[in-house]
Amino acid sequence: MATSKEYKEFILEQLSLLDNIACRAMMGEFLLYYNGVLFGGIYDNRLLVKIADTNKKYNFEKQLPYEGAKPMYLIEDIDNKELLKEIVIDTCEALPKKK
């Protein structure tokens, strides 16, 4: 099942406290970038972020974005914009920066 346009728009609105969020379509799903850093995506109407040392403190459930992929963290509390902002910033802290 591909992600709906409505769910994608909702997630982007929830991430609106962050400047420089980019969303790129990929095979019916969406990759999410913050300041050029790929931190997660929207897969089957689920918000998932990469697993990093800096976001393990949240104790999120691991899920696969698609078959054969590396596990990612499922973000269930998508209604809390402040928490989402914190999660994205924490996640990107440990990820390689765009050159």
N, C-alpha and C. Protein backbone atom coordinates (compact mmCIF):
# COMPACT_ATOMS: atom_id res chain seq x y z
N MET A 1 0.85 -1.18 0.00
CA MET A 1 0.00 0.00 0.00
C MET A 1 0.89 1.24 0.00
N ALA A 2 0.68 2.11 -0.92
CA ALA A 2 1.46 3.35 -0.99
C ALA A 2 0.89 4.38 -0.02
N THR A 3 1.70 5.33 0.34
CA THR A 3 1.28 6.41 1.23
C THR A 3 0.33 7.34 0.50
N SER A 4 -0.72 7.75 1.20
CA SER A 4 -1.68 8.67 0.60
C SER A 4 -1.13 10.10 0.59
N LYS A 5 -1.59 10.88 -0.38
CA LYS A 5 -1.18 12.28 -0.47
C LYS A 5 -1.61 13.03 0.79
N GLU A 6 -2.77 12.72 1.32
CA GLU A 6 -3.28 13.39 2.52
C GLU A 6 -2.39 13.12 3.72
N TYR A 7 -1.93 11.88 3.88
CA TYR A 7 -1.05 11.55 5.01
C TYR A 7 0.28 12.26 4.86
N LYS A 8 0.82 12.28 3.64
CA LYS A 8 2.09 12.99 3.39
C LYS A 8 1.94 14.46 3.76
N GLU A 9 0.88 15.09 3.32
CA GLU A 9 0.66 16.51 3.62
C GLU A 9 0.51 16.74 5.12
N PHE A 10 -0.17 15.82 5.80
CA PHE A 10 -0.33 15.93 7.25
C PHE A 10 1.03 15.87 7.95
N ILE A 11 1.87 14.92 7.56
CA ILE A 11 3.20 14.79 8.17
C ILE A 11 4.03 16.04 7.91
N LEU A 12 3.99 16.56 6.70
CA LEU A 12 4.76 17.77 6.40
C LEU A 12 4.26 18.95 7.24
N GLU A 13 2.97 19.03 7.48
CA GLU A 13 2.44 20.08 8.35
C GLU A 13 2.94 19.88 9.78
N GLN A 14 2.99 18.64 10.23
CA GLN A 14 3.46 18.34 11.59
C GLN A 14 4.95 18.68 11.75
N LEU A 15 5.68 18.66 10.66
CA LEU A 15 7.11 18.99 10.70
C LEU A 15 7.37 20.47 10.41
N SER A 16 6.33 21.26 10.38
CA SER A 16 6.45 22.67 9.97
C SER A 16 7.23 23.55 10.95
N LEU A 17 7.52 23.07 12.14
CA LEU A 17 8.34 23.85 13.07
C LEU A 17 9.81 23.85 12.66
N LEU A 18 10.16 22.97 11.75
CA LEU A 18 11.53 22.86 11.25
C LEU A 18 11.66 23.55 9.89
N ASP A 19 12.67 24.39 9.75
CA ASP A 19 12.96 24.97 8.44
C ASP A 19 13.75 23.93 7.64
N ASN A 20 13.70 24.06 6.34
CA ASN A 20 14.53 23.23 5.45
C ASN A 20 14.15 21.75 5.45
N ILE A 21 12.86 21.44 5.60
CA ILE A 21 12.39 20.06 5.41
C ILE A 21 12.12 19.88 3.93
N ALA A 22 12.63 18.80 3.38
CA ALA A 22 12.38 18.47 1.98
C ALA A 22 11.78 17.07 1.92
N CYS A 23 10.88 16.88 0.96
CA CYS A 23 10.21 15.60 0.79
C CYS A 23 10.35 15.21 -0.68
N ARG A 24 10.86 14.01 -0.91
CA ARG A 24 11.06 13.54 -2.28
C ARG A 24 10.34 12.20 -2.48
N ALA A 25 9.57 12.12 -3.55
CA ALA A 25 8.83 10.89 -3.87
C ALA A 25 9.79 9.79 -4.30
N MET A 26 9.48 8.56 -3.86
CA MET A 26 10.28 7.40 -4.25
C MET A 26 9.37 6.18 -4.28
N MET A 27 9.00 5.74 -5.47
CA MET A 27 8.22 4.51 -5.65
C MET A 27 6.97 4.47 -4.77
N GLY A 28 6.18 5.52 -4.78
CA GLY A 28 4.93 5.55 -4.02
C GLY A 28 5.09 5.94 -2.57
N GLU A 29 6.32 6.13 -2.14
CA GLU A 29 6.59 6.54 -0.76
C GLU A 29 7.37 7.85 -0.81
N PHE A 30 7.81 8.35 0.36
CA PHE A 30 8.45 9.66 0.41
C PHE A 30 9.65 9.65 1.34
N LEU A 31 10.77 10.18 0.85
CA LEU A 31 11.98 10.34 1.66
C LEU A 31 11.94 11.72 2.29
N LEU A 32 12.39 11.83 3.54
CA LEU A 32 12.38 13.10 4.26
C LEU A 32 13.81 13.54 4.57
N TYR A 33 14.08 14.81 4.31
CA TYR A 33 15.40 15.40 4.54
C TYR A 33 15.25 16.63 5.43
N TYR A 34 16.23 16.84 6.29
CA TYR A 34 16.31 18.05 7.09
C TYR A 34 17.69 18.65 6.87
N ASN A 35 17.75 19.86 6.37
CA ASN A 35 19.02 20.52 6.02
C ASN A 35 19.88 19.64 5.13
N GLY A 36 19.24 18.95 4.20
CA GLY A 36 19.96 18.09 3.26
C GLY A 36 20.32 16.72 3.77
N VAL A 37 19.97 16.40 5.02
CA VAL A 37 20.29 15.10 5.62
C VAL A 37 19.06 14.19 5.54
N LEU A 38 19.21 13.03 4.92
CA LEU A 38 18.13 12.06 4.86
C LEU A 38 17.96 11.44 6.25
N PHE A 39 16.84 11.72 6.89
CA PHE A 39 16.62 11.23 8.26
C PHE A 39 15.51 10.20 8.37
N GLY A 40 14.70 10.07 7.35
CA GLY A 40 13.60 9.12 7.45
C GLY A 40 12.70 9.18 6.23
N GLY A 41 11.48 8.70 6.43
CA GLY A 41 10.55 8.70 5.32
C GLY A 41 9.15 8.36 5.77
N ILE A 42 8.26 8.45 4.80
CA ILE A 42 6.86 8.10 5.01
C ILE A 42 6.61 6.86 4.17
N TYR A 43 6.30 5.76 4.82
CA TYR A 43 6.13 4.47 4.17
C TYR A 43 4.80 3.86 4.61
N ASP A 44 3.93 3.55 3.67
CA ASP A 44 2.64 2.93 3.98
C ASP A 44 1.91 3.68 5.09
N ASN A 45 1.85 5.00 4.96
CA ASN A 45 1.19 5.86 5.95
C ASN A 45 1.77 5.69 7.35
N ARG A 46 3.09 5.55 7.42
CA ARG A 46 3.81 5.50 8.70
C ARG A 46 5.00 6.43 8.60
N LEU A 47 5.26 7.17 9.67
CA LEU A 47 6.46 8.02 9.74
C LEU A 47 7.56 7.20 10.40
N LEU A 48 8.65 7.00 9.66
CA LEU A 48 9.79 6.24 10.16
C LEU A 48 11.05 7.10 10.09
N VAL A 49 11.92 6.96 11.09
CA VAL A 49 13.20 7.67 11.09
C VAL A 49 14.33 6.66 11.23
N LYS A 50 15.49 7.05 10.73
CA LYS A 50 16.66 6.18 10.84
C LYS A 50 17.03 5.97 12.30
N ILE A 51 17.58 4.82 12.58
CA ILE A 51 18.06 4.51 13.93
C ILE A 51 19.44 5.14 14.09
N ALA A 52 19.60 5.92 15.15
CA ALA A 52 20.87 6.59 15.43
C ALA A 52 21.12 6.56 16.93
N ASP A 53 22.37 6.67 17.32
CA ASP A 53 22.70 6.70 18.76
C ASP A 53 21.95 7.80 19.49
N THR A 54 21.71 8.90 18.81
CA THR A 54 21.10 10.07 19.45
C THR A 54 19.59 9.99 19.59
N ASN A 55 18.94 8.98 18.97
CA ASN A 55 17.49 8.86 19.15
C ASN A 55 17.06 7.57 19.83
N LYS A 56 18.01 6.79 20.30
CA LYS A 56 17.68 5.54 20.99
C LYS A 56 16.98 5.80 22.32
N LYS A 57 17.18 6.97 22.89
CA LYS A 57 16.58 7.32 24.18
C LYS A 57 15.05 7.32 24.15
N TYR A 58 14.46 7.41 22.95
CA TYR A 58 13.01 7.45 22.84
C TYR A 58 12.36 6.06 22.93
N ASN A 59 13.18 5.02 22.79
CA ASN A 59 12.68 3.64 22.87
C ASN A 59 11.53 3.36 21.89
N PHE A 60 11.72 3.77 20.65
CA PHE A 60 10.71 3.54 19.63
C PHE A 60 10.72 2.09 19.17
N GLU A 61 9.60 1.66 18.64
CA GLU A 61 9.47 0.33 18.05
C GLU A 61 10.17 0.33 16.69
N LYS A 62 10.89 -0.75 16.40
CA LYS A 62 11.54 -0.89 15.10
C LYS A 62 10.57 -1.52 14.11
N GLN A 63 10.58 -0.99 12.89
CA GLN A 63 9.78 -1.56 11.80
C GLN A 63 10.57 -1.47 10.51
N LEU A 64 10.21 -2.29 9.55
CA LEU A 64 10.83 -2.25 8.24
C LEU A 64 10.02 -1.32 7.34
N PRO A 65 10.67 -0.40 6.66
CA PRO A 65 9.92 0.47 5.75
C PRO A 65 9.36 -0.31 4.56
N TYR A 66 10.12 -1.30 4.11
CA TYR A 66 9.71 -2.19 3.02
C TYR A 66 10.57 -3.45 3.11
N GLU A 67 10.15 -4.49 2.45
CA GLU A 67 10.85 -5.76 2.52
C GLU A 67 12.28 -5.62 2.04
N GLY A 68 13.22 -6.13 2.82
CA GLY A 68 14.63 -6.10 2.47
C GLY A 68 15.38 -4.86 2.95
N ALA A 69 14.67 -3.93 3.58
CA ALA A 69 15.29 -2.69 4.06
C ALA A 69 15.81 -2.86 5.48
N LYS A 70 16.66 -1.93 5.89
CA LYS A 70 17.11 -1.90 7.28
C LYS A 70 15.97 -1.42 8.16
N PRO A 71 15.91 -1.91 9.41
CA PRO A 71 14.86 -1.43 10.31
C PRO A 71 15.01 0.07 10.59
N MET A 72 13.89 0.68 10.87
CA MET A 72 13.84 2.10 11.23
C MET A 72 12.93 2.22 12.45
N TYR A 73 12.93 3.39 13.07
CA TYR A 73 12.05 3.63 14.21
C TYR A 73 10.71 4.18 13.73
N LEU A 74 9.63 3.60 14.25
CA LEU A 74 8.28 4.08 13.98
C LEU A 74 7.95 5.20 14.95
N ILE A 75 7.51 6.34 14.42
CA ILE A 75 7.09 7.46 15.24
C ILE A 75 5.57 7.42 15.31
N GLU A 76 5.05 7.08 16.49
CA GLU A 76 3.60 6.96 16.63
C GLU A 76 2.94 8.26 17.07
N ASP A 77 3.62 9.07 17.87
CA ASP A 77 3.04 10.32 18.36
C ASP A 77 3.28 11.43 17.35
N ILE A 78 2.53 11.38 16.26
CA ILE A 78 2.72 12.34 15.18
C ILE A 78 1.93 13.63 15.41
N ASP A 79 1.16 13.71 16.47
CA ASP A 79 0.37 14.91 16.75
C ASP A 79 1.15 15.96 17.53
N ASN A 80 2.28 15.58 18.11
CA ASN A 80 3.07 16.48 18.95
C ASN A 80 4.20 17.10 18.10
N LYS A 81 3.95 18.31 17.60
CA LYS A 81 4.92 18.98 16.71
C LYS A 81 6.25 19.24 17.41
N GLU A 82 6.21 19.63 18.67
CA GLU A 82 7.45 19.92 19.41
C GLU A 82 8.31 18.65 19.54
N LEU A 83 7.66 17.55 19.86
CA LEU A 83 8.38 16.28 20.00
C LEU A 83 8.96 15.85 18.64
N LEU A 84 8.18 15.99 17.58
CA LEU A 84 8.69 15.64 16.25
C LEU A 84 9.92 16.46 15.89
N LYS A 85 9.89 17.74 16.20
CA LYS A 85 11.04 18.60 15.95
C LYS A 85 12.26 18.09 16.68
N GLU A 86 12.09 17.75 17.96
CA GLU A 86 13.19 17.24 18.78
C GLU A 86 13.73 15.93 18.22
N ILE A 87 12.84 15.04 17.81
CA ILE A 87 13.24 13.74 17.26
C ILE A 87 14.07 13.93 15.99
N VAL A 88 13.62 14.79 15.10
CA VAL A 88 14.34 15.02 13.83
C VAL A 88 15.72 15.61 14.11
N ILE A 89 15.79 16.59 14.97
CA ILE A 89 17.08 17.21 15.28
C ILE A 89 18.01 16.19 15.93
N ASP A 90 17.50 15.43 16.89
CA ASP A 90 18.32 14.39 17.54
C ASP A 90 18.80 13.36 16.53
N THR A 91 17.93 12.92 15.65
CA THR A 91 18.29 11.92 14.65
C THR A 91 19.38 12.44 13.72
N CYS A 92 19.21 13.65 13.23
CA CYS A 92 20.16 14.22 12.27
C CYS A 92 21.52 14.50 12.89
N GLU A 93 21.57 14.69 14.19
CA GLU A 93 22.85 14.93 14.88
C GLU A 93 23.86 13.83 14.60
N ALA A 94 23.39 12.59 14.52
CA ALA A 94 24.29 11.45 14.38
C ALA A 94 24.47 10.99 12.95
N LEU A 95 23.75 11.58 12.02
CA LEU A 95 23.82 11.14 10.63
C LEU A 95 24.84 11.95 9.83
N PRO A 96 25.42 11.36 8.79
CA PRO A 96 26.40 12.08 7.99
C PRO A 96 25.79 13.32 7.34
N LYS A 97 26.52 14.40 7.37
CA LYS A 97 26.07 15.66 6.77
C LYS A 97 26.30 15.63 5.27
N LYS A 98 25.45 16.33 4.56
CA LYS A 98 25.58 16.43 3.11
C LYS A 98 26.84 17.21 2.77
N LYS A 99 27.60 16.73 1.79
CA LYS A 99 28.85 17.39 1.40
C LYS A 99 28.59 18.46 0.38
